[in-house]
Amino acid sequence: MASSGVGEAVWAPSPSPPELPYRELFLALAEALPDAVFTKDLQGRYTFINAAGARYLGLSVEEILGRTDSELLPAEQARRTQELDCRALLSRHPLSIVVSERMAGVQREWCSTKGQLRRPDGTVVGMFGLARDLLPHRRSEAARRQSEALFRAAASSGPDAFFIFQADGEGVRLLHLNALAESLLGHEARGAEGRLLSDFPHAAFIAPPHLREQVWRTGQSHDEEVAQVLRGLGRRWFRRQLRAVGDCLAVTVRDITEQRETEVRQRLNERLASIGRLAAGVAHEINNPLAFVSSNLGFIETELRRLPLPEEDLRELLEALSDTREGTERMRLIVQGLQSLSRGETATPQPLALHEALESSIRLVSGRLGGGNRLVRDYGEVPRVLGNSVQLAQVFTNLLVNAAQALPPSGGEIRLVTRLLGDSVAVVEVRDTGCGIPAEHLERIFEPFFTTKPVGEGTGLGLSLCHDIIRGLGGVMTVDSLVGEGSTFRVFLPVVDTGEARAQGEDGALAVVAAGTRLE
């Protein structure tokens, strides 16, 4: 009932939806699909097939309609098709099956779906079918796997650790990493891929959040050198590069530690060469007046003995003269040490007296040992060792200076101990009663660039170079230390070879030391 009252709603029936041209829509969709679409009656005759289905059968649509599979296919293939049709007609639900068969001269793999075709009253009047050729998909998947395998092979053969990350709501997720990246991450790719980078906190430096955001925001790659301390490897230098690829991030990390160390050592060698030339010039300039002083001291002593002086006065003058002569001799030995360092001798190991090398180093650093400190020599019977005098002077000088710097202001003791290990290895110990080295620093003490000294007071290369020198001479260098009690640096050097047995003993003794056995 309708009402004309003010404020009352007026009801009117909604218009009926227009009738859609379902047949035309079905035909249009069937022809647009790349899959075979068909219908059959209860006798198995094709009542509809689209162009894609006709192409798969290798016939025209007209040649197929009204005919059965027995008329179109080889007998065995027609039999299998009819069996599947019967199963579909007997089932209330559509059936899907993957079939591999040769059709129209081409081997195909189908995903076939078939079901009942019913009238509105539910009467079964036939069947429908859809068939998708899976081979293009299989080829695409195989090509993708091959491409991925080639990519992995290329990424694994390079000198860089390679990572691919993808942006994730929780952070960034590892999609791929190569073998070098596994060693850097400390985890195999099989267990790491698919996980978040935040699951590996020790590897956060690979792609820090601020760099990821910068690269994604600007679209520009980021390339820089970065230093990182890694567990078990110490301080390492890396060349790190980040590139954005859509929502992914490609990161390459190259270990350039060896290159950096080589560059630093080259600069250091250039500095040492300059210092050597300067030392040679200074030594030459000092030698001439020093020769005059030494000669005149001899003349003065001769003349003093001729003078009629009281015995007490003569004794005092001769003692002063002896002290002066001792001072000039010390100057001569220092100059001799400077000349030795400046000559640039070859690093070929030669037989030399270990105690002479130690005494030469002591003379060079005597002024830096401090007046309140004691230097104790505890030399044992040690045969000649294989070494290089210049290099060993550099090692022992560095160890003595470090020991002196570790001593407290009130004074302490540096003890030099030499002894023979077995019959093939000489041991030099430089002990001090200084501040000691914390345990967390001991494992890094021979790393390049590592130093506990304030900025500007140490390069972190002294002990590293000493370690390399001793290793180059076929020896081993170790350290023991306790905070508050002092440190002991030990240098193990092979003695001059006297036969096969000694050589075998030398290898064994040095191997024990290299393995970390503490020798007392």
Protein backbone atom coordinates (compact mmCIF):
# COMPACT_ATOMS: atom_id res chain seq x y z
CA MET A 1 0.00 0.00 0.00
CA ALA A 2 1.29 3.45 -0.90
CA SER A 3 0.64 6.59 1.19
CA SER A 4 0.96 10.23 0.34
CA GLY A 5 1.44 11.32 3.95
CA VAL A 6 4.27 13.71 4.60
CA GLY A 7 7.39 12.03 5.91
CA GLU A 8 6.28 8.49 4.99
CA ALA A 9 8.47 6.32 2.80
CA VAL A 10 7.17 5.32 -0.58
CA TRP A 11 7.84 1.66 -1.52
CA ALA A 12 8.48 0.64 -5.07
CA PRO A 13 9.71 -2.74 -6.37
CA SER A 14 13.41 -2.85 -7.42
CA PRO A 15 14.01 -3.37 -11.11
CA SER A 16 14.89 -6.94 -12.20
CA PRO A 17 18.56 -7.45 -13.21
CA PRO A 18 19.02 -7.74 -16.93
CA GLU A 19 19.48 -11.27 -18.25
CA LEU A 20 23.16 -11.83 -19.06
CA PRO A 21 24.18 -13.50 -22.34
CA TYR A 22 25.74 -16.49 -20.53
CA ARG A 23 26.28 -18.53 -23.70
CA GLU A 24 28.16 -15.71 -25.40
CA LEU A 25 30.17 -15.07 -22.21
CA PHE A 26 31.11 -18.76 -21.95
CA LEU A 27 32.17 -18.91 -25.60
CA ALA A 28 34.23 -15.74 -25.29
CA LEU A 29 36.03 -17.00 -22.16
CA ALA A 30 36.62 -20.46 -23.64
CA GLU A 31 38.26 -19.01 -26.73
CA ALA A 32 40.40 -16.60 -24.68
CA LEU A 33 41.86 -19.36 -22.50
CA PRO A 34 45.14 -21.08 -23.47
CA ASP A 35 43.73 -24.32 -22.03
CA ALA A 36 41.65 -26.90 -23.88
CA VAL A 37 37.92 -26.55 -23.01
CA PHE A 38 35.37 -29.10 -24.26
CA THR A 39 32.04 -30.82 -23.59
CA LYS A 40 30.80 -34.31 -24.53
CA ASP A 41 27.41 -36.02 -24.52
CA LEU A 42 26.71 -39.31 -22.78
CA GLN A 43 27.84 -41.22 -25.88
CA GLY A 44 31.26 -39.53 -25.74
CA ARG A 45 30.68 -37.30 -28.78
CA TYR A 46 32.24 -33.85 -28.67
CA THR A 47 29.52 -31.22 -28.45
CA PHE A 48 31.93 -28.29 -27.97
CA ILE A 49 35.68 -27.69 -28.15
CA ASN A 50 37.60 -24.43 -28.25
CA ALA A 51 40.38 -23.53 -30.67
CA ALA A 52 43.14 -24.39 -28.15
CA GLY A 53 41.71 -27.91 -27.69
CA ALA A 54 41.48 -28.39 -31.46
CA ARG A 55 45.13 -27.37 -31.87
CA TYR A 56 46.21 -29.90 -29.28
CA LEU A 57 44.39 -32.66 -31.20
CA GLY A 58 45.90 -31.46 -34.43
CA LEU A 59 42.47 -31.09 -36.13
CA SER A 60 39.98 -28.36 -36.88
CA VAL A 61 36.95 -27.73 -34.68
CA GLU A 62 34.66 -28.94 -37.48
CA GLU A 63 36.57 -32.22 -37.75
CA ILE A 64 36.16 -32.89 -34.03
CA LEU A 65 32.53 -31.96 -33.25
CA GLY A 66 30.13 -34.91 -33.27
CA ARG A 67 32.94 -37.48 -33.17
CA THR A 68 34.26 -39.65 -30.30
CA ASP A 69 37.81 -40.17 -29.04
CA SER A 70 37.82 -43.64 -30.66
CA GLU A 71 37.48 -41.90 -34.00
CA LEU A 72 40.08 -39.24 -33.26
CA LEU A 73 42.83 -40.90 -31.17
CA PRO A 74 44.95 -44.04 -31.32
CA ALA A 75 43.19 -47.04 -29.74
CA GLU A 76 45.20 -47.20 -26.48
CA GLN A 77 45.01 -43.45 -25.92
CA ALA A 78 41.27 -43.45 -26.68
CA ARG A 79 40.75 -46.29 -24.18
CA ARG A 80 42.53 -44.40 -21.37
CA THR A 81 40.54 -41.25 -22.17
CA GLN A 82 37.22 -43.12 -22.10
CA GLU A 83 38.10 -44.71 -18.74
CA LEU A 84 38.71 -41.27 -17.25
CA ASP A 85 35.45 -40.01 -18.77
CA CYS A 86 33.52 -42.86 -17.13
CA ARG A 87 35.06 -42.10 -13.74
CA ALA A 88 34.12 -38.43 -14.11
CA LEU A 89 30.50 -39.28 -15.07
CA LEU A 90 30.13 -41.60 -12.08
CA SER A 91 31.60 -39.12 -9.59
CA ARG A 92 29.56 -36.32 -8.05
CA HIS A 93 32.66 -34.13 -7.87
CA PRO A 94 35.08 -33.06 -10.62
CA LEU A 95 38.20 -35.21 -10.97
CA SER A 96 41.70 -33.90 -11.69
CA ILE A 97 44.62 -35.98 -12.90
CA VAL A 98 48.02 -35.38 -14.48
CA VAL A 99 48.48 -37.36 -17.69
CA SER A 100 51.57 -37.70 -19.86
CA GLU A 101 50.83 -38.65 -23.48
CA ARG A 102 51.83 -38.00 -27.05
CA MET A 103 49.22 -36.02 -28.99
CA ALA A 104 49.40 -34.76 -32.56
CA GLY A 105 53.06 -35.78 -32.70
CA VAL A 106 54.02 -33.83 -29.57
CA GLN A 107 54.76 -35.30 -26.13
CA ARG A 108 52.60 -33.42 -23.65
CA GLU A 109 51.92 -33.49 -19.94
CA TRP A 110 48.34 -32.54 -19.05
CA CYS A 111 46.55 -31.49 -15.95
CA SER A 112 43.08 -32.74 -16.89
CA THR A 113 39.89 -31.85 -14.98
CA LYS A 114 36.55 -33.48 -15.86
CA GLY A 115 33.07 -33.38 -14.32
CA GLN A 116 29.34 -33.97 -14.88
CA LEU A 117 27.28 -31.64 -17.05
CA ARG A 118 23.69 -31.36 -15.71
CA ARG A 119 20.39 -29.77 -16.67
CA PRO A 120 18.68 -27.42 -14.20
CA ASP A 121 16.58 -30.39 -12.95
CA GLY A 122 19.80 -32.30 -12.12
CA THR A 123 19.71 -34.74 -14.98
CA VAL A 124 23.21 -35.66 -16.23
CA VAL A 125 23.40 -34.97 -19.94
CA GLY A 126 27.11 -35.17 -20.53
CA MET A 127 30.46 -33.99 -19.20
CA PHE A 128 32.80 -31.03 -19.39
CA GLY A 129 36.57 -31.02 -19.44
CA LEU A 130 39.53 -28.67 -19.14
CA ALA A 131 43.10 -29.67 -19.97
CA ARG A 132 46.22 -27.59 -19.33
CA ASP A 133 49.54 -28.36 -21.02
CA LEU A 134 52.14 -28.40 -18.22
CA LEU A 135 55.25 -28.64 -20.38
CA PRO A 136 55.68 -24.87 -20.89
CA HIS A 137 55.46 -24.47 -17.12
CA ARG A 138 57.89 -27.34 -16.62
CA ARG A 139 60.30 -25.79 -19.14
CA SER A 140 59.99 -22.41 -17.42
CA GLU A 141 60.63 -24.01 -14.03
CA ALA A 142 63.62 -25.94 -15.39
CA ALA A 143 64.98 -22.75 -16.97
CA ARG A 144 64.51 -20.95 -13.68
CA ARG A 145 66.37 -23.67 -11.79
CA GLN A 146 69.15 -23.67 -14.38
CA SER A 147 69.40 -19.89 -14.21
CA GLU A 148 69.53 -20.06 -10.42
CA ALA A 149 72.23 -22.76 -10.56
CA LEU A 150 74.29 -20.67 -12.98
CA PHE A 151 73.81 -17.63 -10.74
CA ARG A 152 74.94 -19.57 -7.68
CA ALA A 153 77.96 -20.92 -9.55
CA ALA A 154 78.95 -17.42 -10.71
CA ALA A 155 78.44 -15.93 -7.26
CA SER A 156 80.42 -18.72 -5.60
CA SER A 157 83.39 -18.46 -7.95
CA GLY A 158 84.11 -14.78 -7.22
CA PRO A 159 86.45 -13.40 -4.54
CA ASP A 160 83.58 -11.76 -2.62
CA ALA A 161 81.11 -12.90 -0.03
CA PHE A 162 77.74 -12.37 -1.71
CA PHE A 163 74.34 -11.86 -0.06
CA ILE A 164 70.83 -11.13 -1.33
CA PHE A 165 68.35 -9.70 1.19
CA GLN A 166 64.67 -8.87 0.80
CA ALA A 167 62.72 -6.26 2.74
CA ASP A 168 60.46 -7.84 5.31
CA GLY A 169 58.00 -6.45 7.81
CA GLU A 170 60.34 -7.71 10.55
CA GLY A 171 63.58 -6.45 8.96
CA VAL A 172 65.50 -7.99 6.06
CA ARG A 173 65.45 -11.66 5.16
CA LEU A 174 68.31 -13.65 3.67
CA LEU A 175 67.36 -15.01 0.27
CA HIS A 176 70.75 -16.22 -0.92
CA LEU A 177 74.41 -16.38 0.13
CA ASN A 178 77.45 -18.01 -1.48
CA ALA A 179 80.19 -20.17 0.08
CA LEU A 180 82.38 -17.21 1.11
CA ALA A 181 79.34 -15.61 2.71
CA GLU A 182 78.77 -18.80 4.70
CA SER A 183 82.21 -18.50 6.31
CA LEU A 184 81.62 -14.83 7.06
CA LEU A 185 78.17 -15.49 8.50
CA GLY A 186 79.36 -18.58 10.35
CA HIS A 187 76.36 -20.57 9.10
CA GLU A 188 75.59 -22.82 6.13
CA ALA A 189 73.35 -21.37 3.40
CA ARG A 190 70.87 -24.24 3.76
CA GLY A 191 70.09 -23.23 7.33
CA ALA A 192 70.52 -19.46 6.90
CA GLU A 193 68.46 -18.73 3.79
CA GLY A 194 64.97 -17.59 4.71
CA ARG A 195 66.02 -16.28 8.12
CA LEU A 196 66.28 -12.65 9.24
CA LEU A 197 69.64 -10.91 9.33
CA SER A 198 68.84 -9.95 12.93
CA ASP A 199 69.13 -13.67 13.79
CA PHE A 200 72.89 -13.23 13.26
CA PRO A 201 73.83 -10.21 15.45
CA HIS A 202 77.58 -10.75 14.93
CA ALA A 203 77.05 -10.17 11.18
CA ALA A 204 74.99 -6.98 11.45
CA PHE A 205 77.85 -5.00 9.85
CA ILE A 206 77.10 -6.71 6.50
CA ALA A 207 74.02 -4.51 5.94
CA PRO A 208 73.41 -2.03 8.80
CA PRO A 209 69.86 -0.59 8.97
CA HIS A 210 70.89 3.01 8.23
CA LEU A 211 72.76 1.96 5.08
CA ARG A 212 69.88 -0.23 3.88
CA GLU A 213 67.44 2.63 4.27
CA GLN A 214 69.81 5.04 2.51
CA VAL A 215 70.33 2.73 -0.48
CA TRP A 216 66.62 1.96 -0.85
CA ARG A 217 65.66 5.62 -0.45
CA THR A 218 68.19 7.07 -2.91
CA GLY A 219 68.54 4.13 -5.30
CA GLN A 220 72.30 4.74 -5.32
CA SER A 221 74.81 2.03 -4.44
CA HIS A 222 77.00 2.43 -1.37
CA ASP A 223 80.68 1.43 -1.43
CA GLU A 224 83.12 1.81 1.47
CA GLU A 225 85.89 0.19 3.50
CA VAL A 226 84.99 -0.95 7.00
CA ALA A 227 86.96 -2.49 9.87
CA GLN A 228 85.37 -5.26 11.92
CA VAL A 229 86.52 -7.51 14.76
CA LEU A 230 85.41 -11.09 14.09
CA ARG A 231 85.46 -13.93 16.56
CA GLY A 232 88.43 -16.17 15.93
CA LEU A 233 89.77 -13.93 13.13
CA GLY A 234 90.51 -10.72 15.00
CA ARG A 235 90.41 -7.33 13.33
CA ARG A 236 89.71 -7.52 9.60
CA TRP A 237 89.23 -4.91 6.86
CA PHE A 238 86.46 -5.30 4.28
CA ARG A 239 85.29 -3.58 1.11
CA ARG A 240 81.49 -3.51 1.42
CA GLN A 241 79.08 -2.64 -1.41
CA LEU A 242 75.28 -2.43 -1.23
CA ARG A 243 72.98 -2.19 -4.28
CA ALA A 244 69.18 -1.94 -4.34
CA VAL A 245 67.26 -4.17 -6.77
CA GLY A 246 63.56 -3.45 -6.21
CA ASP A 247 62.73 -4.56 -2.68
CA CYS A 248 65.88 -6.68 -2.62
CA LEU A 249 69.39 -5.71 -1.62
CA ALA A 250 72.55 -7.20 -3.17
CA VAL A 251 75.57 -6.99 -0.86
CA THR A 252 79.17 -7.94 -1.66
CA VAL A 253 81.84 -8.06 1.04
CA ARG A 254 85.51 -8.55 0.13
CA ASP A 255 88.22 -9.21 2.72
CA ILE A 256 91.02 -6.69 1.99
CA THR A 257 92.96 -7.20 5.23
CA GLU A 258 96.03 -8.60 3.49
CA GLN A 259 96.03 -5.71 1.01
CA ARG A 260 95.75 -3.14 3.80
CA GLU A 261 98.51 -4.81 5.82
CA THR A 262 100.76 -4.87 2.75
CA GLU A 263 100.15 -1.17 2.12
CA VAL A 264 100.89 -0.28 5.75
CA ARG A 265 104.03 -2.41 5.79
CA GLN A 266 105.19 -0.80 2.57
CA ARG A 267 104.75 2.66 4.08
CA LEU A 268 106.52 1.49 7.22
CA ASN A 269 109.41 0.07 5.20
CA GLU A 270 109.72 3.38 3.37
CA ARG A 271 109.87 5.17 6.71
CA LEU A 272 112.45 2.70 8.01
CA ALA A 273 114.51 3.19 4.87
CA SER A 274 114.44 6.95 5.44
CA ILE A 275 115.40 6.48 9.07
CA GLY A 276 118.18 4.14 7.99
CA ARG A 277 119.62 6.74 5.62
CA LEU A 278 119.41 9.34 8.38
CA ALA A 279 121.08 6.96 10.84
CA ALA A 280 123.87 6.26 8.37
CA GLY A 281 124.51 9.99 7.98
CA VAL A 282 124.45 10.60 11.74
CA ALA A 283 126.75 7.65 12.39
CA HIS A 284 129.21 8.93 9.81
CA GLU A 285 129.21 12.42 11.32
CA ILE A 286 129.74 11.07 14.84
CA ASN A 287 132.43 8.57 13.90
CA ASN A 288 135.06 11.17 12.90
CA PRO A 289 134.99 13.30 16.08
CA LEU A 290 134.59 10.11 18.13
CA ALA A 291 137.82 8.79 16.62
CA PHE A 292 139.57 12.05 17.59
CA VAL A 293 138.24 11.80 21.16
CA SER A 294 139.33 8.18 21.52
CA SER A 295 142.78 8.97 20.14
CA ASN A 296 143.21 12.00 22.39
CA LEU A 297 142.10 10.02 25.45
CA GLY A 298 144.98 7.63 24.81
CA PHE A 299 147.39 10.55 24.44
CA ILE A 300 146.09 12.17 27.65
CA GLU A 301 146.53 8.94 29.61
CA THR A 302 150.11 8.58 28.40
CA GLU A 303 150.96 12.18 29.35
CA LEU A 304 149.28 11.90 32.74
CA ARG A 305 151.44 8.95 33.67
CA ARG A 306 154.54 11.05 32.87
CA LEU A 307 153.56 13.93 35.13
CA PRO A 308 154.91 14.00 38.69
CA LEU A 309 151.46 13.98 40.35
CA PRO A 310 150.55 12.74 43.81
CA GLU A 311 149.46 9.13 43.65
CA GLU A 312 145.92 9.88 44.90
CA ASP A 313 145.42 12.64 42.31
CA LEU A 314 146.75 10.44 39.53
CA ARG A 315 144.43 7.60 40.51
CA GLU A 316 141.37 9.88 40.47
CA LEU A 317 142.35 11.33 37.09
CA LEU A 318 142.91 7.89 35.60
CA GLU A 319 139.53 6.70 36.93
CA ALA A 320 137.80 9.71 35.33
CA LEU A 321 139.70 9.00 32.14
CA SER A 322 138.60 5.34 32.27
CA ASP A 323 134.98 6.38 32.70
CA THR A 324 135.31 8.71 29.74
CA ARG A 325 136.88 5.97 27.65
CA GLU A 326 134.02 3.63 28.62
CA GLY A 327 131.53 6.29 27.55
CA THR A 328 133.19 6.73 24.18
CA GLU A 329 133.26 2.95 23.70
CA ARG A 330 129.55 2.86 24.43
CA MET A 331 129.03 5.62 21.87
CA ARG A 332 131.06 3.63 19.36
CA LEU A 333 128.92 0.53 19.87
CA ILE A 334 125.73 2.57 19.52
CA VAL A 335 127.02 4.06 16.28
CA GLN A 336 127.97 0.59 15.12
CA GLY A 337 124.41 -0.57 15.83
CA LEU A 338 123.01 2.36 13.86
CA GLN A 339 125.26 1.53 10.94
CA SER A 340 124.14 -2.10 11.07
CA LEU A 341 120.48 -1.09 10.97
CA SER A 342 121.06 1.33 8.11
CA ARG A 343 122.87 -1.10 5.82
CA GLY A 344 119.67 -2.91 4.81
CA GLU A 345 121.11 -6.39 5.16
CA THR A 346 119.28 -9.23 3.44
CA ALA A 347 116.82 -11.25 5.48
CA THR A 348 118.56 -14.57 4.70
CA PRO A 349 119.06 -16.39 8.02
CA GLN A 350 122.71 -16.80 8.94
CA PRO A 351 124.41 -18.45 11.95
CA LEU A 352 124.89 -15.81 14.65
CA ALA A 353 125.57 -15.51 18.37
CA LEU A 354 122.27 -14.91 20.14
CA HIS A 355 123.80 -13.10 23.11
CA GLU A 356 125.60 -10.64 20.84
CA ALA A 357 122.27 -9.75 19.19
CA LEU A 358 120.72 -9.22 22.63
CA GLU A 359 123.59 -7.04 23.83
CA SER A 360 123.38 -4.95 20.67
CA SER A 361 119.69 -4.34 21.33
CA ILE A 362 120.36 -3.48 24.97
CA ARG A 363 122.88 -0.84 23.93
CA LEU A 364 120.38 0.68 21.49
CA VAL A 365 117.65 1.04 24.13
CA SER A 366 119.74 1.59 27.26
CA GLY A 367 118.66 5.24 27.44
CA ARG A 368 114.96 4.23 27.44
CA LEU A 369 115.13 1.57 30.15
CA GLY A 370 114.88 4.14 32.95
CA GLY A 371 117.24 4.73 35.83
CA GLY A 372 114.99 3.13 38.45
CA ASN A 373 114.56 -0.13 36.54
CA ARG A 374 116.78 -3.21 36.79
CA LEU A 375 117.92 -5.19 33.78
CA VAL A 376 118.92 -8.72 34.77
CA ARG A 377 120.74 -11.06 32.38
CA ASP A 378 120.17 -14.77 32.99
CA TYR A 379 122.02 -16.28 30.04
CA GLY A 380 122.37 -20.00 29.59
CA GLU A 381 124.54 -22.08 27.28
CA VAL A 382 123.03 -21.47 23.85
CA PRO A 383 124.63 -22.44 20.52
CA ARG A 384 124.52 -20.19 17.48
CA VAL A 385 121.07 -19.73 15.97
CA LEU A 386 119.80 -19.21 12.46
CA GLY A 387 118.70 -15.60 12.16
CA ASN A 388 119.35 -12.15 10.79
CA SER A 389 121.14 -9.64 12.99
CA VAL A 390 119.20 -6.59 11.82
CA GLN A 391 115.82 -8.29 12.13
CA LEU A 392 116.58 -9.80 15.53
CA ALA A 393 117.79 -6.39 16.75
CA GLN A 394 114.43 -4.97 15.67
CA VAL A 395 112.56 -7.72 17.53
CA PHE A 396 114.54 -7.57 20.80
CA THR A 397 114.61 -3.75 20.78
CA ASN A 398 110.83 -3.66 20.45
CA LEU A 399 110.34 -6.20 23.23
CA LEU A 400 112.72 -4.36 25.59
CA VAL A 401 111.06 -0.98 24.96
CA ASN A 402 107.59 -2.47 25.51
CA ALA A 403 108.77 -4.12 28.73
CA ALA A 404 110.20 -0.82 30.00
CA GLN A 405 106.97 1.03 29.19
CA ALA A 406 104.97 -1.59 31.13
CA LEU A 407 106.96 -1.09 34.35
CA PRO A 408 105.42 1.05 37.12
CA PRO A 409 106.79 4.59 37.79
CA SER A 410 108.34 3.32 41.01
CA GLY A 411 110.54 0.97 39.02
CA GLY A 412 110.62 -2.72 38.21
CA GLU A 413 112.66 -5.50 36.68
CA ILE A 414 113.31 -6.71 33.16
CA ARG A 415 114.86 -10.14 33.01
CA LEU A 416 116.48 -11.59 29.89
CA VAL A 417 116.64 -15.39 29.95
CA THR A 418 118.22 -17.63 27.34
CA ARG A 419 118.16 -21.42 27.33
CA LEU A 420 118.12 -24.43 25.06
CA LEU A 421 114.92 -26.39 24.43
CA GLY A 422 115.91 -29.95 23.69
CA ASP A 423 118.97 -29.82 21.48
CA SER A 424 117.54 -27.93 18.54
CA VAL A 425 115.68 -24.78 19.65
CA ALA A 426 117.00 -21.72 21.46
CA VAL A 427 114.60 -19.78 23.68
CA VAL A 428 114.82 -16.08 24.57
CA GLU A 429 112.51 -14.81 27.29
CA VAL A 430 111.88 -11.12 27.95
CA ARG A 431 110.15 -10.93 31.34
CA ASP A 432 108.89 -7.82 33.06
CA THR A 433 107.19 -7.07 36.38
CA GLY A 434 104.88 -4.53 34.80
CA CYS A 435 101.13 -4.03 34.54
CA GLY A 436 100.43 -7.16 32.49
CA ILE A 437 98.05 -7.67 29.57
CA PRO A 438 94.30 -8.34 30.05
CA ALA A 439 93.18 -11.81 28.98
CA GLU A 440 90.81 -10.43 26.32
CA HIS A 441 93.76 -8.71 24.61
CA LEU A 442 96.18 -11.66 24.67
CA GLU A 443 94.62 -13.45 21.70
CA ARG A 444 94.88 -10.25 19.62
CA ILE A 445 98.30 -9.06 20.77
CA PHE A 446 100.01 -10.02 17.48
CA GLU A 447 97.25 -8.65 15.22
CA PRO A 448 98.16 -5.82 12.85
CA PHE A 449 96.87 -2.42 14.02
CA PHE A 450 95.93 -3.69 17.49
CA THR A 451 97.23 -1.47 20.28
CA THR A 452 96.18 -0.49 23.79
CA LYS A 453 98.25 2.70 23.69
CA PRO A 454 96.57 6.11 23.37
CA VAL A 455 95.95 7.51 19.88
CA GLY A 456 99.17 8.88 18.42
CA GLU A 457 101.47 6.79 20.64
CA GLY A 458 101.37 3.50 18.79
CA THR A 459 100.57 2.12 15.35
CA GLY A 460 99.70 -1.39 16.52
CA LEU A 461 102.30 -2.81 14.12
CA GLY A 462 105.34 -3.35 16.38
CA LEU A 463 104.47 -6.77 17.81
CA SER A 464 102.81 -7.81 14.56
CA LEU A 465 106.03 -7.14 12.64
CA CYS A 466 108.10 -8.90 15.32
CA HIS A 467 105.81 -11.92 15.09
CA ASP A 468 106.15 -11.97 11.28
CA ILE A 469 109.94 -11.61 11.46
CA ILE A 470 110.33 -14.56 13.83
CA ARG A 471 107.94 -16.65 11.75
CA GLY A 472 109.91 -15.75 8.62
CA LEU A 473 113.09 -16.98 10.33
CA GLY A 474 111.46 -20.34 10.97
CA GLY A 475 110.72 -19.63 14.63
CA VAL A 476 107.76 -19.07 16.93
CA MET A 477 106.81 -16.18 19.22
CA THR A 478 104.44 -16.51 22.21
CA VAL A 479 103.29 -14.45 25.19
CA ASP A 480 102.05 -15.18 28.72
CA SER A 481 100.75 -12.47 31.01
CA LEU A 482 98.86 -11.80 34.24
CA VAL A 483 97.39 -8.41 35.02
CA GLY A 484 99.31 -6.79 37.86
CA GLU A 485 102.16 -9.33 37.77
CA GLY A 486 103.82 -8.82 34.39
CA SER A 487 104.37 -10.40 31.00
CA THR A 488 106.77 -12.87 29.41
CA PHE A 489 107.45 -12.83 25.67
CA ARG A 490 109.24 -15.91 24.36
CA VAL A 491 111.11 -16.20 21.08
CA PHE A 492 111.92 -19.71 19.83
CA LEU A 493 114.60 -19.94 17.14
CA PRO A 494 116.19 -22.95 15.45
CA VAL A 495 119.85 -23.44 16.31
CA VAL A 496 122.43 -24.07 13.60
CA ASP A 497 121.61 -27.45 12.01
CA THR A 498 124.16 -30.15 12.80
CA GLY A 499 122.49 -33.15 11.25
CA GLU A 500 119.27 -34.91 10.33
CA ALA A 501 118.41 -35.89 13.91
CA ARG A 502 118.67 -32.31 15.08
CA ALA A 503 116.55 -31.11 12.17
CA GLN A 504 113.85 -33.61 13.10
CA GLY A 505 114.04 -32.53 16.73
CA GLU A 506 113.78 -28.89 15.71
CA ASP A 507 110.63 -29.49 13.71
CA GLY A 508 109.07 -31.38 16.58
CA ALA A 509 109.97 -28.83 19.25
CA LEU A 510 108.74 -25.87 17.22
CA ALA A 511 105.56 -27.77 16.38
CA VAL A 512 104.88 -28.23 20.10
CA VAL A 513 105.37 -24.51 20.68
CA ALA A 514 103.22 -23.55 17.68
CA ALA A 515 100.44 -25.80 18.97
CA GLY A 516 100.25 -23.61 22.06
CA THR A 517 101.97 -25.74 24.69
CA ARG A 518 103.22 -23.57 27.53
CA LEU A 519 106.88 -24.27 28.21
CA GLU A 520 108.43 -23.38 31.55
